[in-house]
Amino acid sequence: TLTVDVVGQQYLWRYDYAGGDQLFSFYEMVVPTDTTVVLKVTASDVIHSWWIPELGGKVDGVPGHINETWFKIPAGKEGLYRGQCAELCGAGHADMRGVVRAVAPDEFEDWADRQRQDIQEAGELLSEQRKRRQGEPGDQ
């Protein structure tokens, strides 16, 4: 089982993967095939609705509330599954698309390792940048 927190915000989806080191992605959820994927869906601003038609019904993302659902993509059905926000959520609603990329379990582990490394490196670069800025004249 893989648990993913799905957070809708105007006008994108954030996917936070449970367990281990920090792992998240925006716009595209990557999942291993032949694995039950449990989704905990919420929103940070207004009501959204996560909907990938081939993977099941619509699930509302409501600020302050978590709705749960699940899906399982069989082995051999790797590929892209597309959908969009199904709740009118503002001016950018039409561009709030959802994508699930199903890959073999070993490919998922490779993706997760690269993603975690990229997240860690980005955090380290940001920390270095902040330290440099603190040393600039005029910064208090």
N, C-alpha and C. Protein backbone atom coordinates (compact mmCIF):
# COMPACT_ATOMS: atom_id res chain seq x y z
N THR A 1 0.84 -1.19 0.00
CA THR A 1 0.00 0.00 0.00
C THR A 1 0.88 1.24 0.00
N LEU A 2 0.47 2.22 -0.80
CA LEU A 2 1.14 3.52 -0.85
C LEU A 2 0.11 4.58 -0.51
N THR A 3 0.41 5.45 0.46
CA THR A 3 -0.51 6.51 0.85
C THR A 3 0.01 7.83 0.31
N VAL A 4 -0.89 8.58 -0.35
CA VAL A 4 -0.53 9.87 -0.92
C VAL A 4 -1.54 10.91 -0.44
N ASP A 5 -1.03 11.99 0.15
CA ASP A 5 -1.88 13.14 0.49
C ASP A 5 -2.00 14.00 -0.75
N VAL A 6 -3.23 14.24 -1.18
CA VAL A 6 -3.52 15.03 -2.37
C VAL A 6 -4.08 16.37 -1.89
N VAL A 7 -3.38 17.46 -2.22
CA VAL A 7 -3.80 18.78 -1.77
C VAL A 7 -4.08 19.65 -2.98
N GLY A 8 -5.33 20.08 -3.11
CA GLY A 8 -5.70 21.00 -4.17
C GLY A 8 -5.51 22.43 -3.71
N GLN A 9 -4.97 23.24 -4.59
CA GLN A 9 -4.86 24.67 -4.33
C GLN A 9 -4.95 25.37 -5.68
N GLN A 10 -5.47 26.57 -5.66
CA GLN A 10 -5.64 27.27 -6.92
C GLN A 10 -4.28 27.46 -7.57
N TYR A 11 -3.92 26.87 -8.66
CA TYR A 11 -4.63 25.98 -9.56
C TYR A 11 -3.75 24.81 -9.90
N LEU A 12 -3.41 24.03 -8.88
CA LEU A 12 -2.56 22.87 -9.07
C LEU A 12 -2.82 21.83 -8.01
N TRP A 13 -2.27 20.64 -8.22
CA TRP A 13 -2.33 19.56 -7.24
C TRP A 13 -0.94 19.31 -6.69
N ARG A 14 -0.85 19.10 -5.38
CA ARG A 14 0.40 18.69 -4.74
C ARG A 14 0.18 17.30 -4.19
N TYR A 15 1.16 16.43 -4.43
CA TYR A 15 1.10 15.04 -3.98
C TYR A 15 2.22 14.80 -2.98
N ASP A 16 1.86 14.53 -1.72
CA ASP A 16 2.82 14.24 -0.67
C ASP A 16 2.75 12.75 -0.35
N TYR A 17 3.89 12.07 -0.50
CA TYR A 17 3.96 10.63 -0.29
C TYR A 17 4.33 10.36 1.16
N ALA A 18 3.59 9.46 1.80
CA ALA A 18 3.80 9.14 3.21
C ALA A 18 5.05 8.29 3.41
N GLY A 19 5.66 8.43 4.59
CA GLY A 19 6.76 7.57 5.00
C GLY A 19 8.11 8.05 4.51
N GLY A 20 9.14 7.74 5.29
CA GLY A 20 10.52 8.03 4.88
C GLY A 20 10.84 9.50 4.73
N ASP A 21 11.89 9.76 3.95
CA ASP A 21 12.32 11.12 3.69
C ASP A 21 11.26 11.87 2.90
N GLN A 22 11.35 13.19 2.95
CA GLN A 22 10.37 14.02 2.27
C GLN A 22 10.30 13.68 0.78
N LEU A 23 9.08 13.42 0.33
CA LEU A 23 8.85 13.08 -1.06
C LEU A 23 7.53 13.70 -1.49
N PHE A 24 7.58 14.56 -2.50
CA PHE A 24 6.37 15.17 -3.02
C PHE A 24 6.58 15.53 -4.48
N SER A 25 5.46 15.81 -5.15
CA SER A 25 5.52 16.29 -6.53
C SER A 25 4.32 17.19 -6.76
N PHE A 26 4.41 18.00 -7.78
CA PHE A 26 3.32 18.86 -8.20
C PHE A 26 2.84 18.39 -9.56
N TYR A 27 1.57 18.59 -9.84
CA TYR A 27 0.95 18.32 -11.14
C TYR A 27 0.81 16.84 -11.46
N GLU A 28 1.87 16.04 -11.32
CA GLU A 28 1.84 14.64 -11.71
C GLU A 28 2.10 13.74 -10.50
N MET A 29 1.19 12.79 -10.29
CA MET A 29 1.39 11.77 -9.26
C MET A 29 2.00 10.55 -9.94
N VAL A 30 3.10 10.07 -9.40
CA VAL A 30 3.74 8.87 -9.94
C VAL A 30 3.45 7.73 -8.96
N VAL A 31 2.98 6.61 -9.49
CA VAL A 31 2.62 5.47 -8.64
C VAL A 31 3.12 4.17 -9.26
N PRO A 32 3.40 3.19 -8.41
CA PRO A 32 3.77 1.87 -8.94
C PRO A 32 2.52 1.07 -9.30
N THR A 33 2.61 0.29 -10.35
CA THR A 33 1.52 -0.61 -10.69
C THR A 33 1.44 -1.73 -9.67
N ASP A 34 0.32 -2.43 -9.68
CA ASP A 34 0.09 -3.58 -8.81
C ASP A 34 0.23 -3.22 -7.33
N THR A 35 -0.12 -1.99 -6.98
CA THR A 35 -0.03 -1.48 -5.62
C THR A 35 -1.31 -0.72 -5.30
N THR A 36 -1.87 -0.97 -4.14
CA THR A 36 -3.03 -0.20 -3.71
C THR A 36 -2.56 1.19 -3.30
N VAL A 37 -3.11 2.21 -3.94
CA VAL A 37 -2.76 3.60 -3.66
C VAL A 37 -3.93 4.23 -2.91
N VAL A 38 -3.68 4.62 -1.66
CA VAL A 38 -4.69 5.26 -0.82
C VAL A 38 -4.49 6.76 -0.91
N LEU A 39 -5.55 7.48 -1.25
CA LEU A 39 -5.48 8.93 -1.37
C LEU A 39 -6.22 9.57 -0.21
N LYS A 40 -5.58 10.59 0.37
CA LYS A 40 -6.22 11.43 1.39
C LYS A 40 -6.30 12.82 0.77
N VAL A 41 -7.50 13.21 0.38
CA VAL A 41 -7.71 14.39 -0.45
C VAL A 41 -8.24 15.54 0.40
N THR A 42 -7.61 16.71 0.26
CA THR A 42 -8.03 17.92 0.94
C THR A 42 -7.71 19.11 0.05
N ALA A 43 -7.92 20.31 0.56
CA ALA A 43 -7.61 21.53 -0.19
C ALA A 43 -7.10 22.58 0.77
N SER A 44 -6.35 23.52 0.25
CA SER A 44 -5.78 24.56 1.10
C SER A 44 -6.52 25.89 1.00
N ASP A 45 -7.44 26.04 0.04
CA ASP A 45 -8.06 27.35 -0.14
C ASP A 45 -9.57 27.27 -0.37
N VAL A 46 -10.01 26.68 -1.48
CA VAL A 46 -11.42 26.54 -1.80
C VAL A 46 -11.69 25.06 -2.10
N ILE A 47 -12.92 24.70 -2.35
CA ILE A 47 -13.25 23.31 -2.68
C ILE A 47 -12.76 22.98 -4.09
N HIS A 48 -12.06 21.86 -4.19
CA HIS A 48 -11.61 21.30 -5.46
C HIS A 48 -12.16 19.88 -5.55
N SER A 49 -12.06 19.26 -6.71
CA SER A 49 -12.49 17.87 -6.84
C SER A 49 -11.50 17.13 -7.73
N TRP A 50 -10.77 16.18 -7.14
CA TRP A 50 -9.77 15.39 -7.85
C TRP A 50 -10.50 14.31 -8.63
N TRP A 51 -10.28 14.29 -9.95
CA TRP A 51 -11.01 13.34 -10.78
C TRP A 51 -10.15 12.85 -11.93
N ILE A 52 -9.82 11.57 -11.89
CA ILE A 52 -9.17 10.88 -12.99
C ILE A 52 -10.16 9.79 -13.39
N PRO A 53 -10.96 10.01 -14.44
CA PRO A 53 -12.07 9.10 -14.75
C PRO A 53 -11.72 7.62 -14.78
N GLU A 54 -10.59 7.25 -15.33
CA GLU A 54 -10.24 5.84 -15.44
C GLU A 54 -9.90 5.20 -14.09
N LEU A 55 -9.68 6.04 -13.05
CA LEU A 55 -9.28 5.52 -11.75
C LEU A 55 -10.39 5.58 -10.70
N GLY A 56 -11.57 6.03 -11.10
CA GLY A 56 -12.68 6.05 -10.14
C GLY A 56 -13.43 7.35 -10.14
N GLY A 57 -14.30 7.50 -9.16
CA GLY A 57 -15.15 8.67 -9.06
C GLY A 57 -14.41 9.91 -8.58
N LYS A 58 -15.14 11.01 -8.61
CA LYS A 58 -14.61 12.29 -8.14
C LYS A 58 -14.48 12.26 -6.62
N VAL A 59 -13.44 12.93 -6.13
CA VAL A 59 -13.23 13.04 -4.69
C VAL A 59 -13.03 14.51 -4.36
N ASP A 60 -13.91 15.04 -3.53
CA ASP A 60 -13.81 16.46 -3.18
C ASP A 60 -12.65 16.71 -2.24
N GLY A 61 -11.93 17.79 -2.51
CA GLY A 61 -10.92 18.31 -1.61
C GLY A 61 -11.51 19.53 -0.93
N VAL A 62 -11.75 19.44 0.36
CA VAL A 62 -12.41 20.49 1.12
C VAL A 62 -11.45 20.99 2.19
N PRO A 63 -11.22 22.31 2.27
CA PRO A 63 -10.34 22.82 3.32
C PRO A 63 -10.81 22.37 4.71
N GLY A 64 -9.87 21.87 5.51
CA GLY A 64 -10.18 21.44 6.86
C GLY A 64 -10.80 20.06 6.97
N HIS A 65 -10.92 19.35 5.86
CA HIS A 65 -11.52 18.00 5.87
C HIS A 65 -10.71 17.09 4.96
N ILE A 66 -10.65 15.81 5.30
CA ILE A 66 -9.94 14.84 4.47
C ILE A 66 -10.92 13.79 3.99
N ASN A 67 -10.99 13.59 2.67
CA ASN A 67 -11.75 12.50 2.07
C ASN A 67 -10.78 11.44 1.59
N GLU A 68 -11.14 10.19 1.76
CA GLU A 68 -10.25 9.10 1.36
C GLU A 68 -10.86 8.27 0.24
N THR A 69 -9.99 7.78 -0.62
CA THR A 69 -10.36 6.85 -1.67
C THR A 69 -9.12 6.02 -2.00
N TRP A 70 -9.25 5.12 -2.94
CA TRP A 70 -8.10 4.30 -3.34
C TRP A 70 -8.29 3.83 -4.77
N PHE A 71 -7.17 3.41 -5.36
CA PHE A 71 -7.20 2.76 -6.66
C PHE A 71 -6.01 1.82 -6.76
N LYS A 72 -6.07 0.93 -7.72
CA LYS A 72 -4.97 0.00 -7.97
C LYS A 72 -4.88 -0.22 -9.47
N ILE A 73 -3.73 0.10 -10.05
CA ILE A 73 -3.51 -0.06 -11.48
C ILE A 73 -2.77 -1.39 -11.68
N PRO A 74 -3.35 -2.31 -12.42
CA PRO A 74 -2.72 -3.62 -12.59
C PRO A 74 -1.37 -3.54 -13.32
N ALA A 75 -0.51 -4.49 -13.03
CA ALA A 75 0.75 -4.62 -13.77
C ALA A 75 0.41 -4.76 -15.25
N GLY A 76 1.22 -4.16 -16.08
CA GLY A 76 0.97 -4.19 -17.52
C GLY A 76 0.12 -3.04 -18.02
N LYS A 77 -0.41 -2.23 -17.09
CA LYS A 77 -1.24 -1.07 -17.47
C LYS A 77 -0.50 0.24 -17.19
N GLU A 78 0.85 0.21 -17.33
CA GLU A 78 1.65 1.40 -17.13
C GLU A 78 1.23 2.47 -18.15
N GLY A 79 1.39 3.72 -17.76
CA GLY A 79 1.04 4.80 -18.67
C GLY A 79 0.49 6.00 -17.94
N LEU A 80 -0.06 6.93 -18.70
CA LEU A 80 -0.60 8.17 -18.15
C LEU A 80 -2.12 8.07 -18.05
N TYR A 81 -2.63 8.52 -16.94
CA TYR A 81 -4.06 8.60 -16.68
C TYR A 81 -4.35 10.08 -16.40
N ARG A 82 -5.26 10.65 -17.18
CA ARG A 82 -5.47 12.10 -17.11
C ARG A 82 -6.86 12.45 -16.62
N GLY A 83 -6.93 13.60 -15.94
CA GLY A 83 -8.20 14.12 -15.48
C GLY A 83 -8.05 15.59 -15.17
N GLN A 84 -8.96 16.11 -14.36
CA GLN A 84 -8.88 17.52 -14.01
C GLN A 84 -9.72 17.78 -12.78
N CYS A 85 -9.59 18.97 -12.24
CA CYS A 85 -10.44 19.40 -11.15
C CYS A 85 -11.87 19.44 -11.69
N ALA A 86 -12.79 18.85 -10.93
CA ALA A 86 -14.18 18.76 -11.38
C ALA A 86 -15.10 19.65 -10.56
N GLU A 87 -14.53 20.61 -9.86
CA GLU A 87 -15.31 21.58 -9.07
C GLU A 87 -14.84 22.96 -9.47
N LEU A 88 -15.77 23.78 -9.97
CA LEU A 88 -15.40 25.13 -10.38
C LEU A 88 -14.76 25.84 -9.19
N CYS A 89 -13.48 26.20 -9.34
CA CYS A 89 -12.71 26.70 -8.20
C CYS A 89 -12.08 28.07 -8.43
N GLY A 90 -12.43 28.72 -9.52
CA GLY A 90 -11.89 30.05 -9.78
C GLY A 90 -11.48 30.22 -11.23
N ALA A 91 -10.85 31.35 -11.51
CA ALA A 91 -10.52 31.73 -12.89
C ALA A 91 -9.60 30.74 -13.59
N GLY A 92 -8.73 30.04 -12.87
CA GLY A 92 -7.78 29.11 -13.48
C GLY A 92 -8.25 27.66 -13.45
N HIS A 93 -9.53 27.44 -13.13
CA HIS A 93 -10.06 26.09 -12.99
C HIS A 93 -9.79 25.21 -14.21
N ALA A 94 -9.97 25.75 -15.40
CA ALA A 94 -9.82 24.95 -16.62
C ALA A 94 -8.40 24.41 -16.80
N ASP A 95 -7.44 25.05 -16.18
CA ASP A 95 -6.05 24.62 -16.32
C ASP A 95 -5.59 23.71 -15.17
N MET A 96 -6.49 23.38 -14.25
CA MET A 96 -6.12 22.56 -13.08
C MET A 96 -6.30 21.08 -13.43
N ARG A 97 -5.32 20.58 -14.15
CA ARG A 97 -5.37 19.19 -14.61
C ARG A 97 -4.67 18.27 -13.61
N GLY A 98 -5.06 17.02 -13.68
CA GLY A 98 -4.42 16.00 -12.86
C GLY A 98 -3.86 14.92 -13.76
N VAL A 99 -2.69 14.41 -13.41
CA VAL A 99 -2.07 13.34 -14.17
C VAL A 99 -1.52 12.31 -13.19
N VAL A 100 -1.83 11.05 -13.46
CA VAL A 100 -1.22 9.94 -12.72
C VAL A 100 -0.37 9.17 -13.71
N ARG A 101 0.91 9.01 -13.37
CA ARG A 101 1.80 8.21 -14.22
C ARG A 101 2.08 6.90 -13.50
N ALA A 102 1.60 5.82 -14.07
CA ALA A 102 1.81 4.49 -13.50
C ALA A 102 3.05 3.86 -14.12
N VAL A 103 3.94 3.39 -13.26
CA VAL A 103 5.19 2.78 -13.70
C VAL A 103 5.39 1.46 -12.94
N ALA A 104 6.30 0.64 -13.44
CA ALA A 104 6.64 -0.60 -12.75
C ALA A 104 7.21 -0.25 -11.37
N PRO A 105 7.04 -1.13 -10.37
CA PRO A 105 7.52 -0.83 -9.01
C PRO A 105 8.99 -0.44 -8.93
N ASP A 106 9.88 -1.08 -9.70
CA ASP A 106 11.30 -0.71 -9.64
C ASP A 106 11.52 0.68 -10.24
N GLU A 107 10.77 1.04 -11.28
CA GLU A 107 10.85 2.39 -11.83
C GLU A 107 10.36 3.42 -10.82
N PHE A 108 9.32 3.07 -10.07
CA PHE A 108 8.82 3.98 -9.05
C PHE A 108 9.90 4.25 -8.01
N GLU A 109 10.58 3.21 -7.55
CA GLU A 109 11.64 3.39 -6.55
C GLU A 109 12.76 4.28 -7.09
N ASP A 110 13.14 4.08 -8.36
CA ASP A 110 14.16 4.93 -8.98
C ASP A 110 13.69 6.39 -9.02
N TRP A 111 12.42 6.60 -9.44
CA TRP A 111 11.87 7.96 -9.48
C TRP A 111 11.87 8.58 -8.09
N ALA A 112 11.43 7.82 -7.08
CA ALA A 112 11.35 8.34 -5.72
C ALA A 112 12.73 8.72 -5.20
N ASP A 113 13.73 7.90 -5.47
CA ASP A 113 15.10 8.21 -5.04
C ASP A 113 15.60 9.50 -5.69
N ARG A 114 15.37 9.65 -7.00
CA ARG A 114 15.79 10.88 -7.70
C ARG A 114 15.04 12.09 -7.18
N GLN A 115 13.75 11.94 -6.96
CA GLN A 115 12.92 13.05 -6.49
C GLN A 115 13.36 13.49 -5.10
N ARG A 116 13.60 12.54 -4.20
CA ARG A 116 14.07 12.88 -2.84
C ARG A 116 15.41 13.61 -2.91
N GLN A 117 16.31 13.14 -3.77
CA GLN A 117 17.61 13.78 -3.91
C GLN A 117 17.45 15.20 -4.45
N ASP A 118 16.58 15.38 -5.45
CA ASP A 118 16.35 16.72 -6.00
C ASP A 118 15.77 17.66 -4.94
N ILE A 119 14.85 17.16 -4.12
CA ILE A 119 14.24 17.97 -3.06
C ILE A 119 15.31 18.36 -2.04
N GLN A 120 16.15 17.41 -1.65
CA GLN A 120 17.21 17.70 -0.68
C GLN A 120 18.20 18.72 -1.24
N GLU A 121 18.62 18.55 -2.48
CA GLU A 121 19.56 19.49 -3.09
C GLU A 121 18.96 20.88 -3.21
N ALA A 122 17.69 20.97 -3.57
CA ALA A 122 17.04 22.28 -3.68
C ALA A 122 17.00 22.96 -2.31
N GLY A 123 16.72 22.20 -1.25
CA GLY A 123 16.71 22.76 0.10
C GLY A 123 18.08 23.25 0.52
N GLU A 124 19.13 22.49 0.18
CA GLU A 124 20.49 22.91 0.52
C GLU A 124 20.88 24.17 -0.23
N LEU A 125 20.53 24.25 -1.52
CA LEU A 125 20.84 25.46 -2.30
C LEU A 125 20.11 26.67 -1.75
N LEU A 126 18.85 26.49 -1.36
CA LEU A 126 18.10 27.60 -0.78
C LEU A 126 18.72 28.05 0.53
N SER A 127 19.16 27.11 1.34
CA SER A 127 19.81 27.45 2.61
C SER A 127 21.09 28.24 2.37
N GLU A 128 21.89 27.80 1.40
CA GLU A 128 23.13 28.53 1.07
C GLU A 128 22.82 29.94 0.58
N GLN A 129 21.79 30.06 -0.26
CA GLN A 129 21.40 31.37 -0.78
C GLN A 129 20.98 32.29 0.36
N ARG A 130 20.22 31.79 1.30
CA ARG A 130 19.79 32.61 2.44
C ARG A 130 20.98 33.05 3.28
N LYS A 131 21.94 32.15 3.49
CA LYS A 131 23.13 32.50 4.27
C LYS A 131 23.91 33.61 3.59
N ARG A 132 24.05 33.52 2.26
CA ARG A 132 24.76 34.56 1.52
C ARG A 132 24.05 35.90 1.63
N ARG A 133 22.73 35.87 1.53
CA ARG A 133 21.94 37.10 1.59
C ARG A 133 22.04 37.74 2.96
N GLN A 134 22.11 36.94 4.01
CA GLN A 134 22.21 37.49 5.36
C GLN A 134 23.51 38.25 5.55
N GLY A 135 24.51 37.91 4.79
CA GLY A 135 25.80 38.58 4.91
C GLY A 135 25.90 39.84 4.06
N GLU A 136 24.89 40.12 3.24
CA GLU A 136 24.94 41.31 2.37
C GLU A 136 24.71 42.57 3.17
N PRO A 137 25.40 43.66 2.79
CA PRO A 137 25.20 44.95 3.47
C PRO A 137 23.73 45.38 3.36
N GLY A 138 23.22 45.93 4.45
CA GLY A 138 21.85 46.41 4.47
C GLY A 138 20.86 45.39 4.98
N ASP A 139 21.27 44.12 5.08
CA ASP A 139 20.35 43.08 5.61
C ASP A 139 20.49 43.07 7.11
N GLN A 140 19.40 43.15 7.78
CA GLN A 140 19.41 43.13 9.25
C GLN A 140 18.65 41.92 9.74
